C-alpha atoms as a PDB file:
ATOM      1  CA  MET A   1     -21.565 -20.775   7.249  1.00  0.00           C
ATOM      2  CA  ILE A   2     -22.362 -17.253   6.119  1.00  0.00           C
ATOM      3  CA  ASP A   3     -23.276 -16.652   2.488  1.00  0.00           C
ATOM      4  CA  GLU A   4     -21.700 -13.299   1.613  1.00  0.00           C
ATOM      5  CA  HIS A   5     -22.515 -13.557  -2.094  1.00  0.00           C
ATOM      6  CA  LEU A   6     -25.389 -11.070  -1.999  1.00  0.00           C
ATOM      7  CA  THR A   7     -24.232  -8.996   1.001  1.00  0.00           C
ATOM      8  CA  LEU A   8     -23.125  -5.446   0.210  1.00  0.00           C
ATOM      9  CA  LEU A   9     -20.787  -3.431   2.404  1.00  0.00           C
ATOM     10  CA  THR A  10     -20.958   0.368   2.298  1.00  0.00           C
ATOM     11  CA  TYR A  11     -18.091   2.462   3.643  1.00  0.00           C
ATOM     12  CA  THR A  12     -18.011   6.159   4.485  1.00  0.00           C
ATOM     13  CA  VAL A  13     -14.666   7.487   3.280  1.00  0.00           C
ATOM     14  CA  GLU A  14     -13.181  10.943   3.726  1.00  0.00           C
ATOM     15  CA  VAL A  15     -11.591  12.199   0.496  1.00  0.00           C
ATOM     16  CA  LEU A  16      -8.203  13.725   1.298  1.00  0.00           C
ATOM     17  CA  GLN A  17      -7.060  14.368  -2.264  1.00  0.00           C
ATOM     18  CA  ILE A  18      -8.261  13.746  -5.804  1.00  0.00           C
ATOM     19  CA  ILE A  19      -5.288  12.844  -7.963  1.00  0.00           C
ATOM     20  CA  GLN A  20      -7.167  12.520 -11.235  1.00  0.00           C
ATOM     21  CA  GLU A  21     -10.895  12.806 -11.755  1.00  0.00           C
ATOM     22  CA  GLY A  22     -12.966  10.995 -14.364  1.00  0.00           C
ATOM     23  CA  GLU A  23     -15.178  12.600 -16.991  1.00  0.00           C
ATOM     24  CA  ASN A  24     -18.207  12.789 -14.711  1.00  0.00           C
ATOM     25  CA  GLY A  25     -16.333  14.071 -11.670  1.00  0.00           C
ATOM     26  CA  LEU A  26     -16.323  12.363  -8.304  1.00  0.00           C
ATOM     27  CA  LYS A  27     -19.769  12.250  -6.769  1.00  0.00           C
ATOM     28  CA  SER A  28     -19.208  13.245  -3.175  1.00  0.00           C
ATOM     29  CA  GLU A  29     -20.968  15.179  -0.499  1.00  0.00           C
ATOM     30  CA  LYS A  30     -19.830  17.591   2.167  1.00  0.00           C
ATOM     31  CA  ARG A  31     -20.480  16.724   5.794  1.00  0.00           C
ATOM     32  CA  ASN A  32     -19.798  18.747   8.886  1.00  0.00           C
ATOM     33  CA  ILE A  33     -18.445  16.897  11.879  1.00  0.00           C
ATOM     34  CA  GLY A  34     -17.663  19.174  14.789  1.00  0.00           C
ATOM     35  CA  ASN A  35     -15.973  22.275  13.401  1.00  0.00           C
ATOM     36  CA  LYS A  36     -14.554  20.564  10.321  1.00  0.00           C
ATOM     37  CA  GLU A  37     -16.090  20.068   6.890  1.00  0.00           C
ATOM     38  CA  TYR A  38     -15.339  16.758   5.181  1.00  0.00           C
ATOM     39  CA  ARG A  39     -15.777  15.624   1.578  1.00  0.00           C
ATOM     40  CA  VAL A  40     -16.946  12.019   1.655  1.00  0.00           C
ATOM     41  CA  ILE A  41     -17.807   9.209  -0.731  1.00  0.00           C
ATOM     42  CA  GLU A  42     -19.576   5.980   0.087  1.00  0.00           C
ATOM     43  CA  PRO A  43     -18.000   3.166  -1.912  1.00  0.00           C
ATOM     44  CA  VAL A  44     -19.896  -0.137  -2.025  1.00  0.00           C
ATOM     45  CA  LYS A  45     -18.512  -3.628  -2.454  1.00  0.00           C
ATOM     46  CA  SER A  46     -19.747  -7.175  -2.277  1.00  0.00           C
ATOM     47  CA  ALA A  47     -18.743  -8.850   0.985  1.00  0.00           C
ATOM     48  CA  ALA A  48     -17.362 -11.679  -1.164  1.00  0.00           C
ATOM     49  CA  CYS A  49     -15.046  -9.265  -3.033  1.00  0.00           C
ATOM     50  CA  LYS A  50     -11.378  -9.901  -2.410  1.00  0.00           C
ATOM     51  CA  SER A  51     -10.400  -6.228  -2.295  1.00  0.00           C
ATOM     52  CA  PRO A  52      -8.692  -5.194   0.926  1.00  0.00           C
ATOM     53  CA  LYS A  53     -10.696  -4.900   4.107  1.00  0.00           C
ATOM     54  CA  LEU A  54     -10.816  -1.166   4.754  1.00  0.00           C
ATOM     55  CA  VAL A  55      -9.651  -0.230   8.238  1.00  0.00           C
ATOM     56  CA  GLU A  56     -10.690   2.960   9.985  1.00  0.00           C
ATOM     57  CA  ASN A  57      -8.062   5.745  10.166  1.00  0.00           C
ATOM     58  CA  ASN A  58      -5.924   4.276   7.353  1.00  0.00           C
ATOM     59  CA  GLU A  59      -5.341   6.039   4.039  1.00  0.00           C
ATOM     60  CA  TYR A  60      -5.986   4.270   0.736  1.00  0.00           C
ATOM     61  CA  LEU A  61      -5.535   4.922  -2.955  1.00  0.00           C
ATOM     62  CA  PHE A  62      -8.778   4.175  -4.843  1.00  0.00           C
ATOM     63  CA  MET A  63      -8.720   3.766  -8.611  1.00  0.00           C
ATOM     64  CA  GLY A  64     -11.753   2.747 -10.576  1.00  0.00           C
ATOM     65  CA  ARG A  65     -14.923   3.910 -12.203  1.00  0.00           C
ATOM     66  CA  ASP A  66     -17.667   6.011 -10.744  1.00  0.00           C
ATOM     67  CA  LYS A  67     -20.725   4.168 -12.066  1.00  0.00           C
ATOM     68  CA  GLY A  68     -23.566   6.616 -11.776  1.00  0.00           C
ATOM     69  CA  ASP A  69     -24.465   7.528  -8.214  1.00  0.00           C
ATOM     70  CA  THR A  70     -22.438   4.737  -6.618  1.00  0.00           C
ATOM     71  CA  TYR A  71     -18.695   4.163  -6.468  1.00  0.00           C
ATOM     72  CA  TRP A  72     -18.357   0.374  -6.750  1.00  0.00           C
ATOM     73  CA  LEU A  73     -15.297  -1.494  -5.515  1.00  0.00           C
ATOM     74  CA  ASP A  74     -15.261  -4.454  -7.870  1.00  0.00           C
ATOM     75  CA  LYS A  75     -12.996  -6.295 -10.289  1.00  0.00           C
ATOM     76  CA  THR A  76     -12.431  -3.069 -12.235  1.00  0.00           C
ATOM     77  CA  SER A  77     -11.221  -1.201  -9.116  1.00  0.00           C
ATOM     78  CA  PHE A  78      -7.822  -0.930  -7.508  1.00  0.00           C
ATOM     79  CA  VAL A  79      -7.445  -0.266  -3.764  1.00  0.00           C
ATOM     80  CA  LYS A  80      -4.049   0.076  -2.089  1.00  0.00           C
ATOM     81  CA  LEU A  81      -3.135   0.991   1.451  1.00  0.00           C
ATOM     82  CA  TRP A  82      -1.263   4.317   1.364  1.00  0.00           C
ATOM     83  CA  PRO A  83       1.768   3.823   3.640  1.00  0.00           C
ATOM     84  CA  THR A  84       2.392   6.375   6.377  1.00  0.00           C
ATOM     85  CA  ASP A  85       6.078   5.648   7.063  1.00  0.00           C
ATOM     86  CA  LEU A  86       7.975   8.485   5.370  1.00  0.00           C
ATOM     87  CA  ASN A  87      10.851   6.159   4.402  1.00  0.00           C
ATOM     88  CA  ASN A  88       8.603   3.475   2.874  1.00  0.00           C
ATOM     89  CA  ALA A  89       9.490   2.929  -0.810  1.00  0.00           C
ATOM     90  CA  ASP A  90       5.800   2.527  -1.770  1.00  0.00           C
ATOM     91  CA  LYS A  91       4.902   5.804  -0.019  1.00  0.00           C
ATOM     92  CA  ILE A  92       7.669   7.636  -1.863  1.00  0.00           C
ATOM     93  CA  LYS A  93       6.427   6.251  -5.209  1.00  0.00           C
ATOM     94  CA  LEU A  94       2.751   6.986  -4.432  1.00  0.00           C
ATOM     95  CA  ASP A  95       3.512  10.539  -3.263  1.00  0.00           C
ATOM     96  CA  LYS A  96       5.506  11.138  -6.472  1.00  0.00           C
ATOM     97  CA  PHE A  97       2.644   9.676  -8.552  1.00  0.00           C
ATOM     98  CA  ALA A  98       0.127  11.932  -6.758  1.00  0.00           C
ATOM     99  CA  ARG A  99       2.217  15.065  -7.365  1.00  0.00           C
ATOM    100  CA  LYS A 100       2.817  14.198 -11.032  1.00  0.00           C
ATOM    101  CA  HIS A 101      -0.783  13.335 -11.927  1.00  0.00           C
ATOM    102  CA  LYS A 102      -2.739  15.705  -9.676  1.00  0.00           C
ATOM    103  CA  CYS A 103      -5.567  17.415 -11.530  1.00  0.00           C
END
């Protein structure tokens, strides 16, 4: 048995788009990989948290609070896989939401 209660998972996430930014702005950093510059955040979550397991090369919608220097994925956060199929009803709704609320 593995006790994940106190284990923290840190992800490195490329920011593709900011739809709406909080009062403090998104704390991110720029990293160069090869010839491309990336804006990244490093969200942290408890291993016991039931939020989705993040999978490399998938796109997600993150909604929540930037608490100081760390973006926590916790009970106050919302994480949803952003569909890639152009005919997917969720993708159509999320794309519309992103266009409507983009800052």
